[in-house]
PDB file of N, CA and C in Angstrom:
ATOM      1  N   MET A   1      43.197 161.783 130.639  1.00  0.00           N
ATOM      2  CA  MET A   1      42.398 163.187 130.758  1.00  0.00           C
ATOM      3  C   MET A   1      43.887 163.962 129.457  1.00  0.00           C
ATOM      4  N   ASN A   2      43.111 164.790 128.971  1.00  0.00           N
ATOM      5  CA  ASN A   2      44.546 165.765 128.002  1.00  0.00           C
ATOM      6  C   ASN A   2      44.458 167.122 128.880  1.00  0.00           C
ATOM      7  N   VAL A   3      45.239 167.437 128.898  1.00  0.00           N
ATOM      8  CA  VAL A   3      45.245 168.971 129.320  1.00  0.00           C
ATOM      9  C   VAL A   3      45.913 169.508 128.137  1.00  0.00           C
ATOM     10  N   THR A   4      45.460 170.727 127.732  1.00  0.00           N
ATOM     11  CA  THR A   4      45.588 171.537 126.701  1.00  0.00           C
ATOM     12  C   THR A   4      45.737 173.207 126.737  1.00  0.00           C
ATOM     13  N   THR A   5      46.515 173.586 125.977  1.00  0.00           N
ATOM     14  CA  THR A   5      46.717 175.212 126.144  1.00  0.00           C
ATOM     15  C   THR A   5      46.575 174.966 125.140  1.00  0.00           C
ATOM     16  N   SER A   6      45.507 176.381 124.704  1.00  0.00           N
ATOM     17  CA  SER A   6      45.182 176.619 122.976  1.00  0.00           C
ATOM     18  C   SER A   6      45.968 177.339 122.285  1.00  0.00           C
ATOM     19  N   PRO A   7      46.747 177.171 121.193  1.00  0.00           N
ATOM     20  CA  PRO A   7      47.840 177.712 120.293  1.00  0.00           C
ATOM     21  C   PRO A   7      46.920 178.464 119.511  1.00  0.00           C
ATOM     22  N   SER A   8      48.179 179.338 119.376  1.00  0.00           N
ATOM     23  CA  SER A   8      48.187 180.466 118.645  1.00  0.00           C
ATOM     24  C   SER A   8      47.293 180.311 117.949  1.00  0.00           C
ATOM     25  N   PRO A   9      45.899 181.111 116.765  1.00  0.00           N
ATOM     26  CA  PRO A   9      45.886 180.868 115.864  1.00  0.00           C
ATOM     27  C   PRO A   9      46.662 181.071 114.353  1.00  0.00           C
ATOM     28  N   ALA A  10      47.854 181.384 114.690  1.00  0.00           N
ATOM     29  CA  ALA A  10      48.677 181.599 113.515  1.00  0.00           C
ATOM     30  C   ALA A  10      49.404 180.231 113.932  1.00  0.00           C
ATOM     31  N   THR A  11      49.230 179.157 114.466  1.00  0.00           N
ATOM     32  CA  THR A  11      50.125 177.715 114.604  1.00  0.00           C
ATOM     33  C   THR A  11      48.993 176.802 114.592  1.00  0.00           C
ATOM     34  N   SER A  12      47.684 177.355 114.310  1.00  0.00           N
ATOM     35  CA  SER A  12      46.737 175.935 114.080  1.00  0.00           C
ATOM     36  C   SER A  12      45.398 176.031 113.305  1.00  0.00           C
ATOM     37  N   SER A  13      45.131 175.517 112.624  1.00  0.00           N
ATOM     38  CA  SER A  13      44.451 175.444 111.348  1.00  0.00           C
ATOM     39  C   SER A  13      42.953 175.223 111.620  1.00  0.00           C
ATOM     40  N   ALA A  14      42.796 174.257 113.192  1.00  0.00           N
ATOM     41  CA  ALA A  14      42.175 173.677 113.428  1.00  0.00           C
ATOM     42  C   ALA A  14      41.320 174.061 114.543  1.00  0.00           C
ATOM     43  N   ARG A  15      40.354 174.772 114.961  1.00  0.00           N
ATOM     44  CA  ARG A  15      39.795 175.168 116.378  1.00  0.00           C
ATOM     45  C   ARG A  15      38.521 174.257 116.943  1.00  0.00           C
ATOM     46  N   VAL A  16      38.594 173.842 117.485  1.00  0.00           N
ATOM     47  CA  VAL A  16      37.264 173.430 118.825  1.00  0.00           C
ATOM     48  C   VAL A  16      36.504 174.208 119.117  1.00  0.00           C
ATOM     49  N   ASP A  17      35.586 173.979 118.509  1.00  0.00           N
ATOM     50  CA  ASP A  17      34.408 175.268 119.178  1.00  0.00           C
ATOM     51  C   ASP A  17      33.514 174.569 120.330  1.00  0.00           C
ATOM     52  N   ILE A  18      34.032 174.681 121.943  1.00  0.00           N
ATOM     53  CA  ILE A  18      33.395 174.746 122.457  1.00  0.00           C
ATOM     54  C   ILE A  18      32.854 175.706 123.917  1.00  0.00           C
ATOM     55  N   ALA A  19      31.347 174.460 123.443  1.00  0.00           N
ATOM     56  CA  ALA A  19      29.656 175.099 124.363  1.00  0.00           C
ATOM     57  C   ALA A  19      29.838 175.238 125.501  1.00  0.00           C
ATOM     58  N   TRP A  20      30.726 176.441 126.520  1.00  0.00           N
ATOM     59  CA  TRP A  20      30.871 176.384 127.793  1.00  0.00           C
ATOM     60  C   TRP A  20      29.636 176.796 128.504  1.00  0.00           C
ATOM     61  N   GLY A  21      29.249 176.133 129.672  1.00  0.00           N
ATOM     62  CA  GLY A  21      28.516 176.436 130.651  1.00  0.00           C
ATOM     63  C   GLY A  21      28.821 177.764 131.408  1.00  0.00           C
ATOM     64  N   ASP A  22      27.743 178.005 133.024  1.00  0.00           N
ATOM     65  CA  ASP A  22      28.065 178.960 133.486  1.00  0.00           C
ATOM     66  C   ASP A  22      29.003 178.331 134.423  1.00  0.00           C
ATOM     67  N   ALA A  23      30.179 179.411 134.718  1.00  0.00           N
ATOM     68  CA  ALA A  23      31.222 179.154 135.644  1.00  0.00           C
ATOM     69  C   ALA A  23      30.567 178.947 137.181  1.00  0.00           C
ATOM     70  N   PHE A  24      31.131 177.912 137.482  1.00  0.00           N
ATOM     71  CA  PHE A  24      31.192 177.599 139.257  1.00  0.00           C
ATOM     72  C   PHE A  24      31.989 178.400 139.734  1.00  0.00           C
ATOM     73  N   CYS A  25      31.532 178.973 140.938  1.00  0.00           N
ATOM     74  CA  CYS A  25      32.684 179.594 141.983  1.00  0.00           C
ATOM     75  C   CYS A  25      32.304 179.288 143.129  1.00  0.00           C
ATOM     76  N   SER A  26      33.648 179.674 144.097  1.00  0.00           N
ATOM     77  CA  SER A  26      33.960 179.173 145.582  1.00  0.00           C
ATOM     78  C   SER A  26      34.040 181.004 146.071  1.00  0.00           C
ATOM     79  N   GLU A  27      34.966 180.675 146.698  1.00  0.00           N
ATOM     80  CA  GLU A  27      36.079 181.941 147.188  1.00  0.00           C
ATOM     81  C   GLU A  27      36.434 182.995 146.405  1.00  0.00           C
ATOM     82  N   GLY A  28      36.409 184.171 146.224  1.00  0.00           N
ATOM     83  CA  GLY A  28      37.069 184.727 145.325  1.00  0.00           C
ATOM     84  C   GLY A  28      37.096 184.791 143.785  1.00  0.00           C
ATOM     85  N   ALA A  29      37.978 184.701 142.994  1.00  0.00           N
ATOM     86  CA  ALA A  29      37.756 184.317 141.746  1.00  0.00           C
ATOM     87  C   ALA A  29      38.158 182.647 141.300  1.00  0.00           C
ATOM     88  N   ASN A  30      38.093 182.283 142.490  1.00  0.00           N
ATOM     89  CA  ASN A  30      38.306 180.402 141.826  1.00  0.00           C
ATOM     90  C   ASN A  30      37.072 179.547 141.396  1.00  0.00           C
ATOM     91  N   CYS A  31      36.871 180.099 139.853  1.00  0.00           N
ATOM     92  CA  CYS A  31      35.543 179.727 139.058  1.00  0.00           C
ATOM     93  C   CYS A  31      36.102 178.867 137.898  1.00  0.00           C
ATOM     94  N   PHE A  32      35.571 177.500 137.874  1.00  0.00           N
ATOM     95  CA  PHE A  32      35.516 176.668 136.874  1.00  0.00           C
ATOM     96  C   PHE A  32      34.203 176.522 135.945  1.00  0.00           C
ATOM     97  N   ARG A  33      34.509 175.927 134.840  1.00  0.00           N
ATOM     98  CA  ARG A  33      33.433 175.789 133.937  1.00  0.00           C
ATOM     99  C   ARG A  33      33.587 174.712 133.102  1.00  0.00           C
ATOM    100  N   PHE A  34      32.340 173.754 132.864  1.00  0.00           N
ATOM    101  CA  PHE A  34      32.271 172.567 132.494  1.00  0.00           C
ATOM    102  C   PHE A  34      31.568 173.043 130.586  1.00  0.00           C
ATOM    103  N   GLY A  35      32.480 172.236 130.133  1.00  0.00           N
ATOM    104  CA  GLY A  35      31.914 172.644 128.733  1.00  0.00           C
ATOM    105  C   GLY A  35      31.834 171.097 127.449  1.00  0.00           C
ATOM    106  N   LEU A  36      31.229 171.281 126.438  1.00  0.00           N
ATOM    107  CA  LEU A  36      31.004 170.371 125.649  1.00  0.00           C
ATOM    108  C   LEU A  36      31.067 171.087 124.067  1.00  0.00           C
ATOM    109  N   ASP A  37      31.908 169.947 123.325  1.00  0.00           N
ATOM    110  CA  ASP A  37      32.196 170.062 122.236  1.00  0.00           C
ATOM    111  C   ASP A  37      31.253 169.698 121.099  1.00  0.00           C
ATOM    112  N   ASP A  38      31.385 169.652 119.435  1.00  0.00           N
ATOM    113  CA  ASP A  38      30.171 168.781 118.984  1.00  0.00           C
ATOM    114  C   ASP A  38      29.850 167.436 118.831  1.00  0.00           C
ATOM    115  N   ALA A  39      31.845 166.805 119.174  1.00  0.00           N
ATOM    116  CA  ALA A  39      31.956 165.746 119.315  1.00  0.00           C
ATOM    117  C   ALA A  39      31.959 164.692 120.445  1.00  0.00           C
ATOM    118  N   GLY A  40      31.124 165.421 121.092  1.00  0.00           N
ATOM    119  CA  GLY A  40      30.482 164.961 122.710  1.00  0.00           C
ATOM    120  C   GLY A  40      31.617 164.940 123.765  1.00  0.00           C
ATOM    121  N   ARG A  41      33.033 165.182 123.663  1.00  0.00           N
ATOM    122  CA  ARG A  41      33.815 165.351 124.170  1.00  0.00           C
ATOM    123  C   ARG A  41      33.514 166.431 125.629  1.00  0.00           C
ATOM    124  N   ALA A  42      34.138 166.296 126.807  1.00  0.00           N
ATOM    125  CA  ALA A  42      33.694 167.060 128.051  1.00  0.00           C
ATOM    126  C   ALA A  42      34.831 167.747 128.273  1.00  0.00           C
ATOM    127  N   TYR A  43      34.637 169.059 128.648  1.00  0.00           N
ATOM    128  CA  TYR A  43      35.897 169.837 129.583  1.00  0.00           C
ATOM    129  C   TYR A  43      35.654 170.549 130.664  1.00  0.00           C
ATOM    130  N   ILE A  44      36.925 170.957 131.192  1.00  0.00           N
ATOM    131  CA  ILE A  44      36.706 171.567 132.287  1.00  0.00           C
ATOM    132  C   ILE A  44      38.285 172.605 132.135  1.00  0.00           C
ATOM    133  N   GLY A  45      37.714 173.880 132.148  1.00  0.00           N
ATOM    134  CA  GLY A  45      38.386 175.035 132.423  1.00  0.00           C
ATOM    135  C   GLY A  45      37.832 175.524 133.432  1.00  0.00           C
ATOM    136  N   SER A  46      39.093 176.885 133.959  1.00  0.00           N
ATOM    137  CA  SER A  46      38.948 177.709 134.946  1.00  0.00           C
ATOM    138  C   SER A  46      38.820 179.197 134.031  1.00  0.00           C
ATOM    139  N   THR A  47      38.641 179.858 134.580  1.00  0.00           N
ATOM    140  CA  THR A  47      37.689 181.071 133.563  1.00  0.00           C
ATOM    141  C   THR A  47      39.034 181.855 133.845  1.00  0.00           C
ATOM    142  N   LEU A  48      39.868 182.022 134.896  1.00  0.00           N
ATOM    143  CA  LEU A  48      41.228 183.161 134.833  1.00  0.00           C
ATOM    144  C   LEU A  48      42.442 182.574 133.736  1.00  0.00           C
ATOM    145  N   SER A  49      42.326 180.896 133.203  1.00  0.00           N
ATOM    146  CA  SER A  49      43.071 180.705 132.165  1.00  0.00           C
ATOM    147  C   SER A  49      42.358 180.239 130.741  1.00  0.00           C
ATOM    148  N   PRO A  50      41.494 181.089 130.593  1.00  0.00           N
ATOM    149  CA  PRO A  50      39.898 180.593 129.430  1.00  0.00           C
ATOM    150  C   PRO A  50      40.980 179.836 128.400  1.00  0.00           C
ATOM    151  N   GLY A  51      42.482 179.685 127.737  1.00  0.00           N
ATOM    152  CA  GLY A  51      42.472 179.050 126.654  1.00  0.00           C
ATOM    153  C   GLY A  51      43.266 177.452 127.196  1.00  0.00           C
ATOM    154  N   GLU A  52      43.374 177.195 128.811  1.00  0.00           N
ATOM    155  CA  GLU A  52      43.696 176.359 129.823  1.00  0.00           C
ATOM    156  C   GLU A  52      42.431 175.442 129.621  1.00  0.00           C
ATOM    157  N   TYR A  53      42.633 174.068 129.350  1.00  0.00           N
ATOM    158  CA  TYR A  53      41.506 173.395 129.644  1.00  0.00           C
ATOM    159  C   TYR A  53      41.872 171.680 130.047  1.00  0.00           C
ATOM    160  N   VAL A  54      41.041 170.657 130.376  1.00  0.00           N
ATOM    161  CA  VAL A  54      41.295 169.405 130.581  1.00  0.00           C
ATOM    162  C   VAL A  54      40.442 169.294 129.568  1.00  0.00           C
ATOM    163  N   SER A  55      40.651 167.515 128.943  1.00  0.00           N
ATOM    164  CA  SER A  55      38.952 167.614 128.007  1.00  0.00           C
ATOM    165  C   SER A  55      39.468 165.618 128.185  1.00  0.00           C
ATOM    166  N   ASP A  56      38.193 165.018 128.337  1.00  0.00           N
ATOM    167  CA  ASP A  56      37.984 163.670 128.204  1.00  0.00           C
ATOM    168  C   ASP A  56      36.860 163.100 127.635  1.00  0.00           C
ATOM    169  N   SER A  57      36.232 162.566 127.622  1.00  0.00           N
ATOM    170  CA  SER A  57      34.926 161.809 127.647  1.00  0.00           C
ATOM    171  C   SER A  57      33.809 161.967 128.916  1.00  0.00           C
ATOM    172  N   VAL A  58      33.011 162.152 127.707  1.00  0.00           N
ATOM    173  CA  VAL A  58      32.092 162.446 129.067  1.00  0.00           C
ATOM    174  C   VAL A  58      32.054 161.592 130.415  1.00  0.00           C
ATOM    175  N   GLU A  59      31.770 160.404 129.636  1.00  0.00           N
ATOM    176  CA  GLU A  59      31.836 158.998 130.682  1.00  0.00           C
ATOM    177  C   GLU A  59      32.995 159.599 132.050  1.00  0.00           C
ATOM    178  N   ALA A  60      34.236 159.806 131.498  1.00  0.00           N
ATOM    179  CA  ALA A  60      35.367 160.282 132.070  1.00  0.00           C
ATOM    180  C   ALA A  60      35.194 161.237 132.972  1.00  0.00           C
ATOM    181  N   LEU A  61      34.325 162.483 132.570  1.00  0.00           N
ATOM    182  CA  LEU A  61      34.087 163.156 133.596  1.00  0.00           C
ATOM    183  C   LEU A  61      32.765 162.485 134.651  1.00  0.00           C
ATOM    184  N   ARG A  62      32.498 161.715 134.152  1.00  0.00           N
ATOM    185  CA  ARG A  62      30.643 161.528 135.459  1.00  0.00           C
ATOM    186  C   ARG A  62      31.729 160.831 136.393  1.00  0.00           C
ATOM    187  N   ALA A  63      33.288 159.844 135.738  1.00  0.00           N
ATOM    188  CA  ALA A  63      33.270 159.368 137.278  1.00  0.00           C
ATOM    189  C   ALA A  63      34.458 159.947 137.606  1.00  0.00           C
ATOM    190  N   LEU A  64      35.203 161.270 137.553  1.00  0.00           N
ATOM    191  CA  LEU A  64      35.642 161.882 138.082  1.00  0.00           C
ATOM    192  C   LEU A  64      34.892 162.748 139.192  1.00  0.00           C
ATOM    193  N   ILE A  65      33.816 163.450 138.619  1.00  0.00           N
ATOM    194  CA  ILE A  65      32.999 164.139 139.159  1.00  0.00           C
ATOM    195  C   ILE A  65      32.402 162.456 140.515  1.00  0.00           C
ATOM    196  N   SER A  66      32.061 161.927 140.535  1.00  0.00           N
ATOM    197  CA  SER A  66      31.799 161.143 141.352  1.00  0.00           C
ATOM    198  C   SER A  66      32.563 160.298 142.161  1.00  0.00           C
ATOM    199  N   ALA A  67      34.011 160.526 141.850  1.00  0.00           N
ATOM    200  CA  ALA A  67      35.142 160.492 142.758  1.00  0.00           C
ATOM    201  C   ALA A  67      34.786 161.467 143.994  1.00  0.00           C
ATOM    202  N   VAL A  68      34.898 162.694 143.240  1.00  0.00           N
ATOM    203  CA  VAL A  68      35.817 164.067 143.819  1.00  0.00           C
ATOM    204  C   VAL A  68      33.872 164.550 144.897  1.00  0.00           C
ATOM    205  N   LYS A  69      33.325 163.592 144.380  1.00  0.00           N
ATOM    206  CA  LYS A  69      31.429 163.713 145.435  1.00  0.00           C
ATOM    207  C   LYS A  69      31.665 162.445 146.964  1.00  0.00           C
ATOM    208  N   SER A  70      32.387 161.434 146.445  1.00  0.00           N
ATOM    209  CA  SER A  70      32.596 160.419 147.064  1.00  0.00           C
ATOM    210  C   SER A  70      33.764 160.652 148.195  1.00  0.00           C
ATOM    211  N   GLY A  71      34.697 161.561 147.995  1.00  0.00           N
ATOM    212  CA  GLY A  71      35.456 161.996 148.983  1.00  0.00           C
ATOM    213  C   GLY A  71      36.914 161.116 148.735  1.00  0.00           C
ATOM    214  N   ALA A  72      36.811 161.067 147.318  1.00  0.00           N
ATOM    215  CA  ALA A  72      38.478 160.773 147.157  1.00  0.00           C
ATOM    216  C   ALA A  72      39.300 162.130 146.536  1.00  0.00           C
ATOM    217  N   ALA A  73      39.288 162.740 146.939  1.00  0.00           N
ATOM    218  CA  ALA A  73      39.868 164.221 146.667  1.00  0.00           C
ATOM    219  C   ALA A  73      39.711 164.966 147.847  1.00  0.00           C
ATOM    220  N   ASP A  74      39.685 164.145 149.107  1.00  0.00           N
ATOM    221  CA  ASP A  74      39.310 165.058 150.145  1.00  0.00           C
ATOM    222  C   ASP A  74      40.942 165.032 150.936  1.00  0.00           C
ATOM    223  N   HIS A  75      41.474 164.484 150.811  1.00  0.00           N
ATOM    224  CA  HIS A  75      42.869 164.241 151.402  1.00  0.00           C
ATOM    225  C   HIS A  75      44.176 165.568 150.759  1.00  0.00           C
ATOM    226  N   LEU A  76      43.458 165.960 149.608  1.00  0.00           N
ATOM    227  CA  LEU A  76      43.761 167.158 149.136  1.00  0.00           C
ATOM    228  C   LEU A  76      43.896 168.316 149.708  1.00  0.00           C
ATOM    229  N   LEU A  77      42.944 168.168 150.132  1.00  0.00           N
ATOM    230  CA  LEU A  77      41.503 170.316 151.065  1.00  0.00           C
ATOM    231  C   LEU A  77      42.441 170.520 152.199  1.00  0.00           C
TER     232      LEU A  77
END
C-alpha cells in the first residue's frame, strides 16, 4: 500500500484525478472515503486531510476490507 501526501502544485506537474465516493462517517467527524482513478487504482482517504490518502490496487483494497470484516483488525478497537 502506498501512503501519499499530495505535493503542492508548485512541486508537481503530474496530478492524479481521483473520483471520490460519498464519505462513510461513524461518530462525529470520523469520515473516510473511497476513490478510483482512471488507471483503476483504489484510494482510501480521510475527509479531515483531503490531500492525504493510501492507494493500492482494487484487489488489495478488496482483500483489506474482507480482512477487516472477518475480524482481523478487532484487536485494534
